[in-house]
Amino acid sequence: SYDGIFNAQKEVVLELAEKGPCIIVGRCADDILTEADVPVFKVFL
């Protein structure tokens, strides 16, 4: 279930990135977008 949820989250992250500027909290989005070569600004708090 972890893998199923992660893979679905990955799809959502990439779809949201295609739509344009947005902010995504957590979900390994920083790494997902970096691996997909999507321009991203990564913040850690």
All heavy atoms as atom14 arrays in JSON, in Angstrom:
{
  "sequence": "SYDGIFNAQKEVVLELAEKGPCIIVGRCADDILTEADVPVFKVFL",
  "atom14_mask": [
    [1, 1, 1, 1, 1, 1, 0, 0, 0, 0, 0, 0, 0, 0],
    [1, 1, 1, 1, 1, 1, 1, 1, 1, 1, 1, 1, 0, 0],
    [1, 1, 1, 1, 1, 1, 1, 1, 0, 0, 0, 0, 0, 0],
    [1, 1, 1, 1, 0, 0, 0, 0, 0, 0, 0, 0, 0, 0],
    [1, 1, 1, 1, 1, 1, 1, 1, 0, 0, 0, 0, 0, 0],
    [1, 1, 1, 1, 1, 1, 1, 1, 1, 1, 1, 0, 0, 0],
    [1, 1, 1, 1, 1, 1, 1, 1, 0, 0, 0, 0, 0, 0],
    [1, 1, 1, 1, 1, 0, 0, 0, 0, 0, 0, 0, 0, 0],
    [1, 1, 1, 1, 1, 1, 1, 1, 1, 0, 0, 0, 0, 0],
    [1, 1, 1, 1, 1, 1, 1, 1, 1, 0, 0, 0, 0, 0],
    [1, 1, 1, 1, 1, 1, 1, 1, 1, 0, 0, 0, 0, 0],
    [1, 1, 1, 1, 1, 1, 1, 0, 0, 0, 0, 0, 0, 0],
    [1, 1, 1, 1, 1, 1, 1, 0, 0, 0, 0, 0, 0, 0],
    [1, 1, 1, 1, 1, 1, 1, 1, 0, 0, 0, 0, 0, 0],
    [1, 1, 1, 1, 1, 1, 1, 1, 1, 0, 0, 0, 0, 0],
    [1, 1, 1, 1, 1, 1, 1, 1, 0, 0, 0, 0, 0, 0],
    [1, 1, 1, 1, 1, 0, 0, 0, 0, 0, 0, 0, 0, 0],
    [1, 1, 1, 1, 1, 1, 1, 1, 1, 0, 0, 0, 0, 0],
    [1, 1, 1, 1, 1, 1, 1, 1, 1, 0, 0, 0, 0, 0],
    [1, 1, 1, 1, 0, 0, 0, 0, 0, 0, 0, 0, 0, 0],
    [1, 1, 1, 1, 1, 1, 1, 0, 0, 0, 0, 0, 0, 0],
    [1, 1, 1, 1, 1, 1, 0, 0, 0, 0, 0, 0, 0, 0],
    [1, 1, 1, 1, 1, 1, 1, 1, 0, 0, 0, 0, 0, 0],
    [1, 1, 1, 1, 1, 1, 1, 1, 0, 0, 0, 0, 0, 0],
    [1, 1, 1, 1, 1, 1, 1, 0, 0, 0, 0, 0, 0, 0],
    [1, 1, 1, 1, 0, 0, 0, 0, 0, 0, 0, 0, 0, 0],
    [1, 1, 1, 1, 1, 1, 1, 1, 1, 1, 1, 0, 0, 0],
    [1, 1, 1, 1, 1, 1, 0, 0, 0, 0, 0, 0, 0, 0],
    [1, 1, 1, 1, 1, 0, 0, 0, 0, 0, 0, 0, 0, 0],
    [1, 1, 1, 1, 1, 1, 1, 1, 0, 0, 0, 0, 0, 0],
    [1, 1, 1, 1, 1, 1, 1, 1, 0, 0, 0, 0, 0, 0],
    [1, 1, 1, 1, 1, 1, 1, 1, 0, 0, 0, 0, 0, 0],
    [1, 1, 1, 1, 1, 1, 1, 1, 0, 0, 0, 0, 0, 0],
    [1, 1, 1, 1, 1, 1, 1, 0, 0, 0, 0, 0, 0, 0],
    [1, 1, 1, 1, 1, 1, 1, 1, 1, 0, 0, 0, 0, 0],
    [1, 1, 1, 1, 1, 0, 0, 0, 0, 0, 0, 0, 0, 0],
    [1, 1, 1, 1, 1, 1, 1, 1, 0, 0, 0, 0, 0, 0],
    [1, 1, 1, 1, 1, 1, 1, 0, 0, 0, 0, 0, 0, 0],
    [1, 1, 1, 1, 1, 1, 1, 0, 0, 0, 0, 0, 0, 0],
    [1, 1, 1, 1, 1, 1, 1, 0, 0, 0, 0, 0, 0, 0],
    [1, 1, 1, 1, 1, 1, 1, 1, 1, 1, 1, 0, 0, 0],
    [1, 1, 1, 1, 1, 1, 1, 1, 1, 0, 0, 0, 0, 0],
    [1, 1, 1, 1, 1, 1, 1, 0, 0, 0, 0, 0, 0, 0],
    [1, 1, 1, 1, 1, 1, 1, 1, 1, 1, 1, 0, 0, 0],
    [1, 1, 1, 1, 1, 1, 1, 1, 0, 0, 0, 0, 0, 0]
  ],
  "atom14_positions": [
    [[0.84, -1.2, 0.0], [0.0, 0.0, 0.0], [0.87, 1.25, 0.0], [0.53, 2.26, -0.61], [-0.94, 0.0, 1.21], [-0.21, -0.04, 2.42], [0.0, 0.0, 0.0], [0.0, 0.0, 0.0], [0.0, 0.0, 0.0], [0.0, 0.0, 0.0], [0.0, 0.0, 0.0], [0.0, 0.0, 0.0], [0.0, 0.0, 0.0], [0.0, 0.0, 0.0]],
    [[2.03, 1.18, 0.68], [2.95, 2.31, 0.68], [3.38, 2.64, -0.76], [3.38, 3.79, -1.18], [4.2, 2.01, 1.52], [3.98, 2.01, 3.0], [3.94, 0.82, 3.72], [3.8, 3.21, 3.69], [3.75, 0.82, 5.09], [3.61, 3.22, 5.06], [3.57, 2.02, 5.76], [3.37, 2.03, 7.1], [0.0, 0.0, 0.0], [0.0, 0.0, 0.0]],
    [[3.76, 1.59, -1.5], [4.22, 1.79, -2.88], [3.09, 2.31, -3.76], [3.29, 3.18, -4.6], [4.77, 0.49, -3.46], [6.06, 0.04, -2.79], [6.64, 0.85, -2.04], [6.48, -1.1, -3.01], [0.0, 0.0, 0.0], [0.0, 0.0, 0.0], [0.0, 0.0, 0.0], [0.0, 0.0, 0.0], [0.0, 0.0, 0.0], [0.0, 0.0, 0.0]],
    [[1.89, 1.75, -3.57], [0.74, 2.19, -4.37], [0.43, 3.65, -4.14], [0.2, 4.41, -5.09], [0.0, 0.0, 0.0], [0.0, 0.0, 0.0], [0.0, 0.0, 0.0], [0.0, 0.0, 0.0], [0.0, 0.0, 0.0], [0.0, 0.0, 0.0], [0.0, 0.0, 0.0], [0.0, 0.0, 0.0], [0.0, 0.0, 0.0], [0.0, 0.0, 0.0]],
    [[0.45, 4.06, -2.88], [0.18, 5.47, -2.55], [1.3, 6.37, -3.04], [1.06, 7.43, -3.61], [-0.04, 5.63, -1.03], [-1.38, 4.97, -0.63], [-0.04, 7.1, -0.63], [-1.61, 4.86, 0.86], [0.0, 0.0, 0.0], [0.0, 0.0, 0.0], [0.0, 0.0, 0.0], [0.0, 0.0, 0.0], [0.0, 0.0, 0.0], [0.0, 0.0, 0.0]],
    [[2.55, 5.93, -2.85], [3.67, 6.76, -3.33], [3.61, 6.96, -4.84], [3.8, 8.07, -5.35], [5.03, 6.15, -2.96], [6.17, 6.92, -3.55], [6.57, 8.13, -3.0], [6.82, 6.48, -4.69], [7.59, 8.88, -3.57], [7.85, 7.21, -5.27], [8.24, 8.42, -4.7], [0.0, 0.0, 0.0], [0.0, 0.0, 0.0], [0.0, 0.0, 0.0]],
    [[3.35, 5.9, -5.58], [3.29, 6.01, -7.04], [2.17, 6.93, -7.5], [2.33, 7.7, -8.46], [3.15, 4.63, -7.68], [4.43, 3.82, -7.56], [5.53, 4.36, -7.56], [4.31, 2.5, -7.43], [0.0, 0.0, 0.0], [0.0, 0.0, 0.0], [0.0, 0.0, 0.0], [0.0, 0.0, 0.0], [0.0, 0.0, 0.0], [0.0, 0.0, 0.0]],
    [[1.03, 6.88, -6.79], [-0.08, 7.79, -7.11], [0.31, 9.23, -6.78], [0.03, 10.16, -7.56], [-1.33, 7.38, -6.35], [0.0, 0.0, 0.0], [0.0, 0.0, 0.0], [0.0, 0.0, 0.0], [0.0, 0.0, 0.0], [0.0, 0.0, 0.0], [0.0, 0.0, 0.0], [0.0, 0.0, 0.0], [0.0, 0.0, 0.0], [0.0, 0.0, 0.0]],
    [[0.99, 9.43, -5.64], [1.44, 10.78, -5.27], [2.44, 11.31, -6.29], [2.4, 12.5, -6.65], [2.09, 10.74, -3.89], [1.1, 10.55, -2.77], [1.74, 10.6, -1.4], [1.05, 10.87, -0.42], [3.02, 10.35, -1.29], [0.0, 0.0, 0.0], [0.0, 0.0, 0.0], [0.0, 0.0, 0.0], [0.0, 0.0, 0.0], [0.0, 0.0, 0.0]],
    [[3.3, 10.45, -6.77], [4.28, 10.86, -7.77], [3.59, 11.35, -9.03], [3.96, 12.39, -9.59], [5.19, 9.67, -8.09], [6.32, 9.98, -9.05], [7.24, 8.77, -9.22], [8.37, 9.06, -10.17], [9.29, 7.91, -10.29], [0.0, 0.0, 0.0], [0.0, 0.0, 0.0], [0.0, 0.0, 0.0], [0.0, 0.0, 0.0], [0.0, 0.0, 0.0]],
    [[2.56, 10.63, -9.47], [1.79, 11.05, -10.65], [1.16, 12.42, -10.43], [1.19, 13.28, -11.31], [0.69, 10.04, -10.96], [1.14, 8.79, -11.68], [-0.04, 7.93, -12.07], [-0.96, 8.45, -12.74], [-0.06, 6.75, -11.69], [0.0, 0.0, 0.0], [0.0, 0.0, 0.0], [0.0, 0.0, 0.0], [0.0, 0.0, 0.0], [0.0, 0.0, 0.0]],
    [[0.59, 12.61, -9.24], [-0.07, 13.88, -8.92], [0.95, 15.02, -8.91], [0.7, 16.09, -9.47], [-0.81, 13.8, -7.57], [-1.33, 15.17, -7.16], [-1.97, 12.8, -7.66], [0.0, 0.0, 0.0], [0.0, 0.0, 0.0], [0.0, 0.0, 0.0], [0.0, 0.0, 0.0], [0.0, 0.0, 0.0], [0.0, 0.0, 0.0], [0.0, 0.0, 0.0]],
    [[2.1, 14.8, -8.28], [3.16, 15.83, -8.24], [3.54, 16.27, -9.66], [3.63, 17.46, -9.96], [4.41, 15.32, -7.49], [5.6, 16.23, -7.73], [4.12, 15.21, -5.99], [0.0, 0.0, 0.0], [0.0, 0.0, 0.0], [0.0, 0.0, 0.0], [0.0, 0.0, 0.0], [0.0, 0.0, 0.0], [0.0, 0.0, 0.0], [0.0, 0.0, 0.0]],
    [[3.76, 15.3, -10.54], [4.19, 15.61, -11.9], [3.07, 16.31, -12.69], [3.33, 17.22, -13.49], [4.64, 14.34, -12.62], [5.92, 13.71, -12.03], [6.19, 12.35, -12.65], [7.13, 14.64, -12.21], [0.0, 0.0, 0.0], [0.0, 0.0, 0.0], [0.0, 0.0, 0.0], [0.0, 0.0, 0.0], [0.0, 0.0, 0.0], [0.0, 0.0, 0.0]],
    [[1.82, 15.92, -12.45], [0.69, 16.56, -13.14], [0.54, 18.01, -12.67], [0.29, 18.9, -13.49], [-0.6, 15.8, -12.86], [-0.72, 14.52, -13.67], [-2.02, 13.77, -13.38], [-2.93, 14.36, -12.74], [-2.12, 12.6, -13.8], [0.0, 0.0, 0.0], [0.0, 0.0, 0.0], [0.0, 0.0, 0.0], [0.0, 0.0, 0.0], [0.0, 0.0, 0.0]],
    [[0.67, 18.24, -11.38], [0.56, 19.6, -10.85], [1.68, 20.48, -11.38], [1.46, 21.65, -11.7], [0.58, 19.58, -9.32], [-0.61, 18.91, -8.64], [-0.41, 18.87, -7.12], [-1.91, 19.62, -8.98], [0.0, 0.0, 0.0], [0.0, 0.0, 0.0], [0.0, 0.0, 0.0], [0.0, 0.0, 0.0], [0.0, 0.0, 0.0], [0.0, 0.0, 0.0]],
    [[2.87, 19.92, -11.5], [4.01, 20.68, -12.02], [3.77, 21.1, -13.47], [4.2, 22.18, -13.89], [5.28, 19.85, -11.91], [0.0, 0.0, 0.0], [0.0, 0.0, 0.0], [0.0, 0.0, 0.0], [0.0, 0.0, 0.0], [0.0, 0.0, 0.0], [0.0, 0.0, 0.0], [0.0, 0.0, 0.0], [0.0, 0.0, 0.0], [0.0, 0.0, 0.0]],
    [[3.09, 20.27, -14.23], [2.8, 20.59, -15.63], [1.83, 21.76, -15.75], [1.85, 22.5, -16.73], [2.2, 19.37, -16.34], [3.22, 18.32, -16.73], [2.58, 17.16, -17.48], [1.42, 17.29, -17.91], [3.25, 16.13, -17.62], [0.0, 0.0, 0.0], [0.0, 0.0, 0.0], [0.0, 0.0, 0.0], [0.0, 0.0, 0.0], [0.0, 0.0, 0.0]],
    [[0.98, 21.93, -14.75], [-0.04, 23.0, -14.8], [0.57, 24.39, -14.62], [-0.04, 25.38, -15.01], [-1.09, 22.78, -13.72], [-1.98, 21.57, -13.98], [-3.02, 21.45, -12.88], [-3.94, 20.28, -13.13], [-4.96, 20.15, -12.06], [0.0, 0.0, 0.0], [0.0, 0.0, 0.0], [0.0, 0.0, 0.0], [0.0, 0.0, 0.0], [0.0, 0.0, 0.0]],
    [[1.75, 24.46, -13.99], [2.37, 25.77, -13.79], [2.8, 25.99, -12.36], [2.85, 25.05, -11.56], [0.0, 0.0, 0.0], [0.0, 0.0, 0.0], [0.0, 0.0, 0.0], [0.0, 0.0, 0.0], [0.0, 0.0, 0.0], [0.0, 0.0, 0.0], [0.0, 0.0, 0.0], [0.0, 0.0, 0.0], [0.0, 0.0, 0.0], [0.0, 0.0, 0.0]],
    [[3.1, 27.24, -12.01], [3.61, 27.56, -10.67], [2.68, 27.07, -9.56], [1.46, 27.26, -9.63], [3.68, 29.08, -10.67], [3.75, 29.46, -12.11], [2.96, 28.44, -12.84], [0.0, 0.0, 0.0], [0.0, 0.0, 0.0], [0.0, 0.0, 0.0], [0.0, 0.0, 0.0], [0.0, 0.0, 0.0], [0.0, 0.0, 0.0], [0.0, 0.0, 0.0]],
    [[3.26, 26.43, -8.56], [2.48, 25.97, -7.41], [3.42, 25.66, -6.27], [4.64, 25.68, -6.43], [1.64, 24.75, -7.77], [2.6, 23.28, -8.2], [0.0, 0.0, 0.0], [0.0, 0.0, 0.0], [0.0, 0.0, 0.0], [0.0, 0.0, 0.0], [0.0, 0.0, 0.0], [0.0, 0.0, 0.0], [0.0, 0.0, 0.0], [0.0, 0.0, 0.0]],
    [[2.84, 25.38, -5.11], [3.61, 25.01, -3.93], [3.14, 23.65, -3.46], [1.93, 23.42, -3.3], [3.41, 26.05, -2.8], [3.89, 27.44, -3.27], [4.15, 25.63, -1.53], [3.42, 28.58, -2.39], [0.0, 0.0, 0.0], [0.0, 0.0, 0.0], [0.0, 0.0, 0.0], [0.0, 0.0, 0.0], [0.0, 0.0, 0.0], [0.0, 0.0, 0.0]],
    [[4.07, 22.73, -3.27], [3.75, 21.39, -2.8], [4.54, 21.12, -1.53], [5.76, 21.28, -1.51], [4.08, 20.32, -3.86], [3.34, 20.6, -5.17], [3.73, 18.92, -3.33], [3.73, 19.69, -6.32], [0.0, 0.0, 0.0], [0.0, 0.0, 0.0], [0.0, 0.0, 0.0], [0.0, 0.0, 0.0], [0.0, 0.0, 0.0], [0.0, 0.0, 0.0]],
    [[3.83, 20.73, -0.48], [4.47, 20.44, 0.8], [4.7, 18.94, 0.94], [3.77, 18.15, 0.77], [3.62, 20.96, 1.97], [4.24, 20.55, 3.31], [3.49, 22.47, 1.91], [0.0, 0.0, 0.0], [0.0, 0.0, 0.0], [0.0, 0.0, 0.0], [0.0, 0.0, 0.0], [0.0, 0.0, 0.0], [0.0, 0.0, 0.0], [0.0, 0.0, 0.0]],
    [[5.92, 18.56, 1.24], [6.25, 17.16, 1.52], [6.08, 16.24, 0.33], [6.34, 16.61, -0.82], [0.0, 0.0, 0.0], [0.0, 0.0, 0.0], [0.0, 0.0, 0.0], [0.0, 0.0, 0.0], [0.0, 0.0, 0.0], [0.0, 0.0, 0.0], [0.0, 0.0, 0.0], [0.0, 0.0, 0.0], [0.0, 0.0, 0.0], [0.0, 0.0, 0.0]],
    [[5.68, 14.99, 0.61], [5.39, 13.97, -0.41], [6.6, 13.61, -1.27], [6.44, 13.11, -2.38], [4.25, 14.41, -1.32], [3.07, 15.04, -0.6], [2.31, 14.04, 0.22], [1.24, 14.68, 0.98], [0.4, 14.04, 1.76], [0.5, 12.75, 1.91], [-0.53, 14.69, 2.43], [0.0, 0.0, 0.0], [0.0, 0.0, 0.0], [0.0, 0.0, 0.0]],
    [[7.8, 13.9, -0.81], [9.03, 13.65, -1.59], [9.02, 14.42, -2.91], [9.73, 14.06, -3.85], [9.23, 12.16, -1.86], [9.34, 11.12, -0.4], [0.0, 0.0, 0.0], [0.0, 0.0, 0.0], [0.0, 0.0, 0.0], [0.0, 0.0, 0.0], [0.0, 0.0, 0.0], [0.0, 0.0, 0.0], [0.0, 0.0, 0.0], [0.0, 0.0, 0.0]],
    [[8.21, 15.47, -2.99], [8.06, 16.22, -4.24], [9.38, 16.82, -4.7], [9.65, 16.91, -5.91], [7.02, 17.32, -4.08], [0.0, 0.0, 0.0], [0.0, 0.0, 0.0], [0.0, 0.0, 0.0], [0.0, 0.0, 0.0], [0.0, 0.0, 0.0], [0.0, 0.0, 0.0], [0.0, 0.0, 0.0], [0.0, 0.0, 0.0], [0.0, 0.0, 0.0]],
    [[10.23, 17.23, -3.75], [11.52, 17.81, -4.12], [12.34, 16.83, -4.95], [12.89, 17.18, -5.99], [12.29, 18.24, -2.86], [12.47, 17.1, -1.85], [11.48, 16.38, -1.6], [13.58, 16.94, -1.32], [0.0, 0.0, 0.0], [0.0, 0.0, 0.0], [0.0, 0.0, 0.0], [0.0, 0.0, 0.0], [0.0, 0.0, 0.0], [0.0, 0.0, 0.0]],
    [[12.38, 15.57, -4.5], [13.17, 14.56, -5.2], [12.49, 14.1, -6.48], [13.15, 13.9, -7.5], [13.39, 13.36, -4.27], [14.43, 12.4, -4.82], [15.63, 12.76, -4.83], [14.05, 11.31, -5.26], [0.0, 0.0, 0.0], [0.0, 0.0, 0.0], [0.0, 0.0, 0.0], [0.0, 0.0, 0.0], [0.0, 0.0, 0.0], [0.0, 0.0, 0.0]],
    [[11.17, 13.94, -6.44], [10.42, 13.51, -7.63], [10.64, 14.48, -8.79], [10.92, 14.07, -9.92], [8.9, 13.42, -7.3], [8.63, 12.22, -6.38], [8.07, 13.31, -8.58], [7.24, 12.22, -5.76], [0.0, 0.0, 0.0], [0.0, 0.0, 0.0], [0.0, 0.0, 0.0], [0.0, 0.0, 0.0], [0.0, 0.0, 0.0], [0.0, 0.0, 0.0]],
    [[10.55, 15.77, -8.51], [10.7, 16.78, -9.57], [12.15, 16.9, -10.05], [12.41, 17.09, -11.23], [10.17, 18.13, -9.09], [8.66, 18.15, -8.82], [8.25, 19.43, -8.13], [7.88, 17.98, -10.12], [0.0, 0.0, 0.0], [0.0, 0.0, 0.0], [0.0, 0.0, 0.0], [0.0, 0.0, 0.0], [0.0, 0.0, 0.0], [0.0, 0.0, 0.0]],
    [[13.09, 16.77, -9.12], [14.5, 16.8, -9.5], [14.82, 15.63, -10.43], [15.48, 15.81, -11.46], [15.41, 16.74, -8.25], [15.13, 17.87, -7.43], [16.87, 16.74, -8.64], [0.0, 0.0, 0.0], [0.0, 0.0, 0.0], [0.0, 0.0, 0.0], [0.0, 0.0, 0.0], [0.0, 0.0, 0.0], [0.0, 0.0, 0.0], [0.0, 0.0, 0.0]],
    [[14.34, 14.44, -10.07], [14.58, 13.25, -10.89], [13.93, 13.37, -12.27], [14.44, 12.83, -13.25], [14.04, 12.0, -10.18], [14.86, 11.57, -8.96], [16.28, 11.17, -9.31], [16.47, 10.35, -10.23], [17.22, 11.7, -8.68], [0.0, 0.0, 0.0], [0.0, 0.0, 0.0], [0.0, 0.0, 0.0], [0.0, 0.0, 0.0], [0.0, 0.0, 0.0]],
    [[12.8, 14.08, -12.33], [12.09, 14.25, -13.6], [12.64, 15.45, -14.4], [12.12, 15.78, -15.46], [10.6, 14.44, -13.35], [0.0, 0.0, 0.0], [0.0, 0.0, 0.0], [0.0, 0.0, 0.0], [0.0, 0.0, 0.0], [0.0, 0.0, 0.0], [0.0, 0.0, 0.0], [0.0, 0.0, 0.0], [0.0, 0.0, 0.0], [0.0, 0.0, 0.0]],
    [[13.67, 16.1, -13.86], [14.3, 17.24, -14.51], [13.32, 18.4, -14.7], [13.35, 19.11, -15.7], [14.9, 16.83, -15.86], [16.03, 17.77, -16.29], [16.65, 18.39, -15.4], [16.27, 17.89, -17.51], [0.0, 0.0, 0.0], [0.0, 0.0, 0.0], [0.0, 0.0, 0.0], [0.0, 0.0, 0.0], [0.0, 0.0, 0.0], [0.0, 0.0, 0.0]],
    [[12.45, 18.6, -13.71], [11.5, 19.71, -13.72], [12.11, 20.85, -12.9], [12.57, 20.61, -11.78], [10.15, 19.28, -13.1], [9.2, 20.47, -13.0], [9.52, 18.16, -13.92], [0.0, 0.0, 0.0], [0.0, 0.0, 0.0], [0.0, 0.0, 0.0], [0.0, 0.0, 0.0], [0.0, 0.0, 0.0], [0.0, 0.0, 0.0], [0.0, 0.0, 0.0]],
    [[12.12, 22.08, -13.41], [12.66, 23.19, -12.63], [11.9, 23.34, -11.31], [10.68, 23.42, -11.29], [12.42, 24.41, -13.54], [12.37, 23.84, -14.91], [11.71, 22.5, -14.76], [0.0, 0.0, 0.0], [0.0, 0.0, 0.0], [0.0, 0.0, 0.0], [0.0, 0.0, 0.0], [0.0, 0.0, 0.0], [0.0, 0.0, 0.0], [0.0, 0.0, 0.0]],
    [[12.64, 23.33, -10.21], [12.02, 23.36, -8.9], [12.9, 24.12, -7.92], [14.14, 24.09, -8.03], [11.76, 21.91, -8.4], [13.06, 21.11, -8.35], [11.07, 21.89, -7.04], [0.0, 0.0, 0.0], [0.0, 0.0, 0.0], [0.0, 0.0, 0.0], [0.0, 0.0, 0.0], [0.0, 0.0, 0.0], [0.0, 0.0, 0.0], [0.0, 0.0, 0.0]],
    [[12.27, 24.84, -7.01], [13.01, 25.51, -5.94], [12.65, 24.79, -4.65], [11.49, 24.74, -4.25], [12.64, 26.99, -5.85], [13.54, 27.76, -4.93], [14.72, 28.3, -5.4], [13.22, 27.92, -3.58], [15.57, 29.01, -4.55], [14.06, 28.62, -2.72], [15.24, 29.17, -3.21], [0.0, 0.0, 0.0], [0.0, 0.0, 0.0], [0.0, 0.0, 0.0]],
    [[13.68, 24.24, -3.98], [13.45, 23.35, -2.85], [13.78, 24.02, -1.52], [14.9, 24.45, -1.29], [14.28, 22.07, -3.03], [13.9, 21.3, -4.3], [14.82, 20.13, -4.58], [16.15, 20.6, -5.12], [17.02, 19.5, -5.56], [0.0, 0.0, 0.0], [0.0, 0.0, 0.0], [0.0, 0.0, 0.0], [0.0, 0.0, 0.0], [0.0, 0.0, 0.0]],
    [[12.76, 24.09, -0.67], [12.87, 24.74, 0.65], [12.81, 23.67, 1.74], [12.03, 22.72, 1.64], [11.7, 25.73, 0.85], [11.77, 26.38, 2.23], [11.67, 26.78, -0.26], [0.0, 0.0, 0.0], [0.0, 0.0, 0.0], [0.0, 0.0, 0.0], [0.0, 0.0, 0.0], [0.0, 0.0, 0.0], [0.0, 0.0, 0.0], [0.0, 0.0, 0.0]],
    [[13.63, 23.83, 2.78], [13.52, 22.97, 3.95], [13.32, 23.84, 5.18], [14.05, 24.81, 5.39], [14.77, 22.1, 4.15], [14.62, 21.13, 5.28], [13.88, 19.96, 5.11], [15.18, 21.39, 6.53], [13.71, 19.07, 6.17], [15.02, 20.5, 7.59], [14.28, 19.33, 7.4], [0.0, 0.0, 0.0], [0.0, 0.0, 0.0], [0.0, 0.0, 0.0]],
    [[12.31, 23.51, 5.98], [12.0, 24.27, 7.2], [12.26, 23.41, 8.43], [11.91, 22.23, 8.46], [10.53, 24.7, 7.19], [10.06, 25.54, 5.99], [8.57, 25.83, 6.11], [10.86, 26.84, 5.89], [0.0, 0.0, 0.0], [0.0, 0.0, 0.0], [0.0, 0.0, 0.0], [0.0, 0.0, 0.0], [0.0, 0.0, 0.0], [0.0, 0.0, 0.0]]
  ]
}
